[in-house]
Amino acid sequence: MGSEIAIGPGKADLLEAIAGSGSISAAARQMGMSYRRAWTLVEVMNRSFRGPLVDTLTGGTGGGGARVTELGADVLARYRAMETRAAVAVAPEMRAFARLLASPGKP
């Protein structure tokens, strides 16, 4: 832990993709990342919180799968709420900042 980032925009997107697909591999494909990378991110998230955010199901004839736990859904909802609050708080500065940017095609 310590130097690991518990959750961020990419991990939140991965949690949503796992919740939607029921699979780490399908979520990885959807996001254009390797299964190994997705699994590593899930491991970091699971280690970083008081309990796992993602539970995996063992394979078999129907294959395995994954599900976002109740804690994972709570973490995701709180993270998205913080993102929204942050975006609203910085909106005036973002508008002022955007006026300082060069126009497209302008050197």
N, C-alpha and C. Protein backbone atom coordinates (compact mmCIF):
# COMPACT_ATOMS: atom_id res chain seq x y z
N MET A 1 0.85 -1.17 0.00
CA MET A 1 0.00 0.00 0.00
C MET A 1 0.89 1.23 0.00
N GLY A 2 0.50 2.31 0.63
CA GLY A 2 1.31 3.50 0.73
C GLY A 2 1.50 4.21 -0.59
N SER A 3 2.31 3.63 -1.46
CA SER A 3 2.58 4.27 -2.75
C SER A 3 1.54 3.88 -3.81
N GLU A 4 0.69 2.95 -3.50
CA GLU A 4 -0.34 2.55 -4.46
C GLU A 4 -1.52 3.51 -4.39
N ILE A 5 -2.13 3.74 -5.54
CA ILE A 5 -3.32 4.59 -5.59
C ILE A 5 -4.54 3.68 -5.48
N ALA A 6 -5.33 3.91 -4.45
CA ALA A 6 -6.47 3.04 -4.16
C ALA A 6 -7.51 3.08 -5.26
N ILE A 7 -7.85 4.28 -5.72
CA ILE A 7 -8.83 4.42 -6.79
C ILE A 7 -8.60 5.75 -7.49
N GLY A 8 -8.88 5.77 -8.75
CA GLY A 8 -8.78 6.96 -9.57
C GLY A 8 -9.74 6.80 -10.74
N PRO A 9 -9.67 7.70 -11.72
CA PRO A 9 -10.62 7.65 -12.83
C PRO A 9 -10.61 6.32 -13.60
N GLY A 10 -9.44 5.80 -13.88
CA GLY A 10 -9.36 4.54 -14.63
C GLY A 10 -9.88 3.36 -13.84
N LYS A 11 -9.56 3.31 -12.57
CA LYS A 11 -10.04 2.20 -11.73
C LYS A 11 -11.56 2.30 -11.55
N ALA A 12 -12.07 3.51 -11.42
CA ALA A 12 -13.53 3.68 -11.32
C ALA A 12 -14.20 3.19 -12.61
N ASP A 13 -13.62 3.54 -13.76
CA ASP A 13 -14.16 3.07 -15.04
C ASP A 13 -14.10 1.54 -15.12
N LEU A 14 -13.02 0.96 -14.62
CA LEU A 14 -12.89 -0.50 -14.62
C LEU A 14 -13.96 -1.13 -13.73
N LEU A 15 -14.19 -0.57 -12.56
CA LEU A 15 -15.25 -1.10 -11.68
C LEU A 15 -16.60 -1.06 -12.39
N GLU A 16 -16.89 0.05 -13.07
CA GLU A 16 -18.16 0.15 -13.79
C GLU A 16 -18.25 -0.89 -14.90
N ALA A 17 -17.13 -1.09 -15.60
CA ALA A 17 -17.13 -2.08 -16.69
C ALA A 17 -17.31 -3.49 -16.15
N ILE A 18 -16.70 -3.79 -15.01
CA ILE A 18 -16.88 -5.11 -14.39
C ILE A 18 -18.33 -5.28 -13.95
N ALA A 19 -18.90 -4.25 -13.35
CA ALA A 19 -20.30 -4.31 -12.91
C ALA A 19 -21.21 -4.56 -14.10
N GLY A 20 -20.92 -3.93 -15.22
CA GLY A 20 -21.76 -4.08 -16.40
C GLY A 20 -21.60 -5.39 -17.13
N SER A 21 -20.39 -5.94 -17.12
CA SER A 21 -20.12 -7.15 -17.90
C SER A 21 -20.10 -8.43 -17.07
N GLY A 22 -19.85 -8.30 -15.77
CA GLY A 22 -19.74 -9.48 -14.92
C GLY A 22 -18.45 -10.24 -15.15
N SER A 23 -17.46 -9.56 -15.72
CA SER A 23 -16.22 -10.24 -16.08
C SER A 23 -15.05 -9.25 -16.12
N ILE A 24 -13.94 -9.66 -15.52
CA ILE A 24 -12.74 -8.82 -15.59
C ILE A 24 -12.19 -8.81 -17.02
N SER A 25 -12.18 -9.97 -17.67
CA SER A 25 -11.64 -10.03 -19.04
C SER A 25 -12.50 -9.23 -20.02
N ALA A 26 -13.82 -9.31 -19.89
CA ALA A 26 -14.69 -8.52 -20.78
C ALA A 26 -14.53 -7.03 -20.50
N ALA A 27 -14.40 -6.67 -19.23
CA ALA A 27 -14.19 -5.26 -18.88
C ALA A 27 -12.87 -4.77 -19.46
N ALA A 28 -11.82 -5.60 -19.37
CA ALA A 28 -10.52 -5.22 -19.92
C ALA A 28 -10.62 -5.01 -21.43
N ARG A 29 -11.27 -5.92 -22.13
CA ARG A 29 -11.44 -5.77 -23.58
C ARG A 29 -12.20 -4.50 -23.91
N GLN A 30 -13.26 -4.25 -23.18
CA GLN A 30 -14.08 -3.05 -23.39
C GLN A 30 -13.24 -1.79 -23.23
N MET A 31 -12.29 -1.81 -22.31
CA MET A 31 -11.46 -0.64 -22.03
C MET A 31 -10.17 -0.61 -22.83
N GLY A 32 -9.93 -1.64 -23.63
CA GLY A 32 -8.72 -1.67 -24.45
C GLY A 32 -7.46 -1.92 -23.64
N MET A 33 -7.57 -2.70 -22.57
CA MET A 33 -6.38 -3.03 -21.77
C MET A 33 -6.24 -4.53 -21.67
N SER A 34 -5.07 -4.97 -21.29
CA SER A 34 -4.85 -6.41 -21.16
C SER A 34 -5.56 -6.93 -19.92
N TYR A 35 -5.86 -8.22 -19.95
CA TYR A 35 -6.47 -8.86 -18.79
C TYR A 35 -5.54 -8.73 -17.59
N ARG A 36 -4.25 -8.91 -17.82
CA ARG A 36 -3.27 -8.84 -16.73
C ARG A 36 -3.30 -7.46 -16.06
N ARG A 37 -3.36 -6.41 -16.87
CA ARG A 37 -3.41 -5.04 -16.32
C ARG A 37 -4.68 -4.85 -15.51
N ALA A 38 -5.81 -5.30 -16.03
CA ALA A 38 -7.08 -5.17 -15.31
C ALA A 38 -7.02 -5.93 -13.99
N TRP A 39 -6.48 -7.14 -14.03
CA TRP A 39 -6.40 -7.96 -12.83
C TRP A 39 -5.50 -7.29 -11.79
N THR A 40 -4.39 -6.70 -12.24
CA THR A 40 -3.49 -5.99 -11.33
C THR A 40 -4.21 -4.81 -10.68
N LEU A 41 -4.99 -4.06 -11.44
CA LEU A 41 -5.74 -2.94 -10.89
C LEU A 41 -6.77 -3.41 -9.87
N VAL A 42 -7.44 -4.51 -10.16
CA VAL A 42 -8.42 -5.08 -9.22
C VAL A 42 -7.70 -5.50 -7.94
N GLU A 43 -6.55 -6.13 -8.06
CA GLU A 43 -5.80 -6.55 -6.87
C GLU A 43 -5.43 -5.35 -6.00
N VAL A 44 -4.99 -4.25 -6.62
CA VAL A 44 -4.64 -3.05 -5.86
C VAL A 44 -5.87 -2.51 -5.14
N MET A 45 -7.00 -2.42 -5.86
CA MET A 45 -8.22 -1.92 -5.22
C MET A 45 -8.62 -2.82 -4.06
N ASN A 46 -8.60 -4.12 -4.27
CA ASN A 46 -9.02 -5.06 -3.22
C ASN A 46 -8.11 -4.97 -2.00
N ARG A 47 -6.83 -4.73 -2.21
CA ARG A 47 -5.88 -4.59 -1.10
C ARG A 47 -6.02 -3.27 -0.36
N SER A 48 -6.48 -2.25 -1.06
CA SER A 48 -6.46 -0.89 -0.53
C SER A 48 -7.64 -0.53 0.35
N PHE A 49 -8.70 -1.31 0.29
CA PHE A 49 -9.90 -1.00 1.07
C PHE A 49 -10.11 -2.05 2.16
N ARG A 50 -11.05 -1.82 3.03
CA ARG A 50 -11.31 -2.70 4.18
C ARG A 50 -11.81 -4.08 3.78
N GLY A 51 -12.23 -4.20 2.57
CA GLY A 51 -12.71 -5.47 2.02
C GLY A 51 -12.58 -5.39 0.52
N PRO A 52 -12.81 -6.50 -0.16
CA PRO A 52 -12.68 -6.50 -1.63
C PRO A 52 -13.76 -5.65 -2.30
N LEU A 53 -13.38 -4.98 -3.37
CA LEU A 53 -14.34 -4.24 -4.19
C LEU A 53 -14.88 -5.14 -5.30
N VAL A 54 -14.10 -6.17 -5.65
CA VAL A 54 -14.48 -7.11 -6.70
C VAL A 54 -14.29 -8.52 -6.17
N ASP A 55 -15.29 -9.35 -6.31
CA ASP A 55 -15.21 -10.78 -6.01
C ASP A 55 -15.12 -11.53 -7.33
N THR A 56 -14.27 -12.54 -7.36
CA THR A 56 -14.18 -13.37 -8.56
C THR A 56 -14.86 -14.70 -8.30
N LEU A 57 -15.39 -15.26 -9.36
CA LEU A 57 -16.05 -16.56 -9.30
C LEU A 57 -15.19 -17.55 -10.06
N THR A 58 -15.05 -18.74 -9.51
CA THR A 58 -14.21 -19.73 -10.17
C THR A 58 -14.86 -20.22 -11.45
N GLY A 59 -14.01 -20.62 -12.39
CA GLY A 59 -14.48 -21.08 -13.69
C GLY A 59 -15.14 -22.44 -13.62
N GLY A 60 -15.41 -22.96 -14.73
CA GLY A 60 -16.10 -24.24 -14.86
C GLY A 60 -16.62 -24.32 -16.27
N THR A 61 -17.61 -25.14 -16.48
CA THR A 61 -18.14 -25.28 -17.83
C THR A 61 -18.74 -23.97 -18.33
N GLY A 62 -19.36 -23.20 -17.44
CA GLY A 62 -19.93 -21.91 -17.82
C GLY A 62 -18.94 -20.77 -17.71
N GLY A 63 -17.72 -21.08 -17.27
CA GLY A 63 -16.73 -20.02 -17.10
C GLY A 63 -16.86 -19.36 -15.74
N GLY A 64 -15.92 -18.50 -15.44
CA GLY A 64 -15.93 -17.79 -14.16
C GLY A 64 -16.69 -16.49 -14.30
N GLY A 65 -16.24 -15.53 -13.61
CA GLY A 65 -16.87 -14.23 -13.67
C GLY A 65 -16.40 -13.38 -12.53
N ALA A 66 -16.94 -12.21 -12.43
CA ALA A 66 -16.58 -11.29 -11.36
C ALA A 66 -17.79 -10.42 -11.07
N ARG A 67 -17.85 -9.94 -9.85
CA ARG A 67 -18.92 -9.03 -9.48
C ARG A 67 -18.36 -7.95 -8.57
N VAL A 68 -18.91 -6.77 -8.68
CA VAL A 68 -18.56 -5.67 -7.80
C VAL A 68 -19.34 -5.89 -6.50
N THR A 69 -18.62 -5.87 -5.39
CA THR A 69 -19.25 -6.11 -4.09
C THR A 69 -20.07 -4.89 -3.66
N GLU A 70 -20.78 -5.05 -2.57
CA GLU A 70 -21.54 -3.93 -2.00
C GLU A 70 -20.58 -2.80 -1.63
N LEU A 71 -19.43 -3.16 -1.05
CA LEU A 71 -18.42 -2.15 -0.71
C LEU A 71 -17.92 -1.48 -1.99
N GLY A 72 -17.69 -2.27 -3.03
CA GLY A 72 -17.22 -1.72 -4.30
C GLY A 72 -18.22 -0.73 -4.89
N ALA A 73 -19.49 -1.07 -4.82
CA ALA A 73 -20.53 -0.17 -5.34
C ALA A 73 -20.57 1.12 -4.52
N ASP A 74 -20.40 1.01 -3.21
CA ASP A 74 -20.38 2.18 -2.33
C ASP A 74 -19.17 3.06 -2.65
N VAL A 75 -17.99 2.45 -2.77
CA VAL A 75 -16.78 3.20 -3.10
C VAL A 75 -16.95 3.91 -4.44
N LEU A 76 -17.48 3.19 -5.43
CA LEU A 76 -17.67 3.78 -6.75
C LEU A 76 -18.64 4.96 -6.70
N ALA A 77 -19.75 4.80 -6.02
CA ALA A 77 -20.73 5.88 -5.92
C ALA A 77 -20.13 7.10 -5.22
N ARG A 78 -19.38 6.88 -4.15
CA ARG A 78 -18.76 8.00 -3.43
C ARG A 78 -17.70 8.67 -4.28
N TYR A 79 -16.91 7.87 -5.02
CA TYR A 79 -15.88 8.44 -5.90
C TYR A 79 -16.51 9.30 -6.99
N ARG A 80 -17.57 8.80 -7.62
CA ARG A 80 -18.25 9.57 -8.67
C ARG A 80 -18.86 10.85 -8.09
N ALA A 81 -19.39 10.79 -6.87
CA ALA A 81 -19.94 11.99 -6.24
C ALA A 81 -18.83 13.02 -6.00
N MET A 82 -17.66 12.56 -5.57
CA MET A 82 -16.53 13.48 -5.36
C MET A 82 -16.08 14.10 -6.68
N GLU A 83 -16.06 13.30 -7.75
CA GLU A 83 -15.71 13.83 -9.07
C GLU A 83 -16.67 14.95 -9.48
N THR A 84 -17.95 14.70 -9.28
CA THR A 84 -18.96 15.69 -9.66
C THR A 84 -18.80 16.97 -8.85
N ARG A 85 -18.62 16.83 -7.55
CA ARG A 85 -18.43 18.01 -6.70
C ARG A 85 -17.19 18.79 -7.10
N ALA A 86 -16.12 18.08 -7.41
CA ALA A 86 -14.87 18.75 -7.81
C ALA A 86 -15.07 19.49 -9.12
N ALA A 87 -15.74 18.87 -10.08
CA ALA A 87 -15.98 19.51 -11.38
C ALA A 87 -16.80 20.79 -11.22
N VAL A 88 -17.83 20.74 -10.39
CA VAL A 88 -18.66 21.91 -10.15
C VAL A 88 -17.83 23.01 -9.48
N ALA A 89 -17.01 22.64 -8.52
CA ALA A 89 -16.22 23.62 -7.77
C ALA A 89 -15.20 24.34 -8.65
N VAL A 90 -14.63 23.64 -9.63
CA VAL A 90 -13.59 24.26 -10.46
C VAL A 90 -14.13 24.80 -11.77
N ALA A 91 -15.41 24.66 -12.03
CA ALA A 91 -15.99 25.09 -13.31
C ALA A 91 -15.67 26.54 -13.66
N PRO A 92 -15.82 27.50 -12.75
CA PRO A 92 -15.50 28.88 -13.12
C PRO A 92 -14.02 29.05 -13.52
N GLU A 93 -13.14 28.43 -12.78
CA GLU A 93 -11.71 28.52 -13.12
C GLU A 93 -11.41 27.81 -14.43
N MET A 94 -12.09 26.71 -14.71
CA MET A 94 -11.88 26.00 -15.97
C MET A 94 -12.31 26.87 -17.15
N ARG A 95 -13.41 27.60 -17.00
CA ARG A 95 -13.84 28.49 -18.07
C ARG A 95 -12.81 29.59 -18.30
N ALA A 96 -12.30 30.18 -17.22
CA ALA A 96 -11.27 31.22 -17.33
C ALA A 96 -9.99 30.64 -17.93
N PHE A 97 -9.64 29.45 -17.53
CA PHE A 97 -8.45 28.79 -18.05
C PHE A 97 -8.60 28.51 -19.55
N ALA A 98 -9.77 28.06 -19.95
CA ALA A 98 -10.02 27.74 -21.36
C ALA A 98 -9.84 28.97 -22.25
N ARG A 99 -10.17 30.14 -21.73
CA ARG A 99 -9.99 31.37 -22.51
C ARG A 99 -8.52 31.68 -22.76
N LEU A 100 -7.63 31.09 -21.98
CA LEU A 100 -6.19 31.32 -22.15
C LEU A 100 -5.56 30.39 -23.19
N LEU A 101 -6.29 29.38 -23.58
CA LEU A 101 -5.76 28.40 -24.55
C LEU A 101 -5.80 28.96 -25.96
N ALA A 102 -4.86 28.54 -26.79
CA ALA A 102 -4.82 28.95 -28.20
C ALA A 102 -6.01 28.31 -28.92
N SER A 103 -6.49 28.98 -29.93
CA SER A 103 -7.57 28.43 -30.75
C SER A 103 -7.02 27.29 -31.59
N PRO A 104 -7.86 26.30 -31.90
CA PRO A 104 -7.40 25.21 -32.77
C PRO A 104 -6.88 25.77 -34.10
N GLY A 105 -5.75 25.27 -34.53
CA GLY A 105 -5.17 25.72 -35.79
C GLY A 105 -4.32 26.97 -35.67
N LYS A 106 -4.35 27.58 -34.49
CA LYS A 106 -3.54 28.79 -34.26
C LYS A 106 -2.17 28.37 -33.74
N PRO A 107 -1.11 28.90 -34.33
CA PRO A 107 0.23 28.51 -33.86
C PRO A 107 0.55 29.00 -32.48
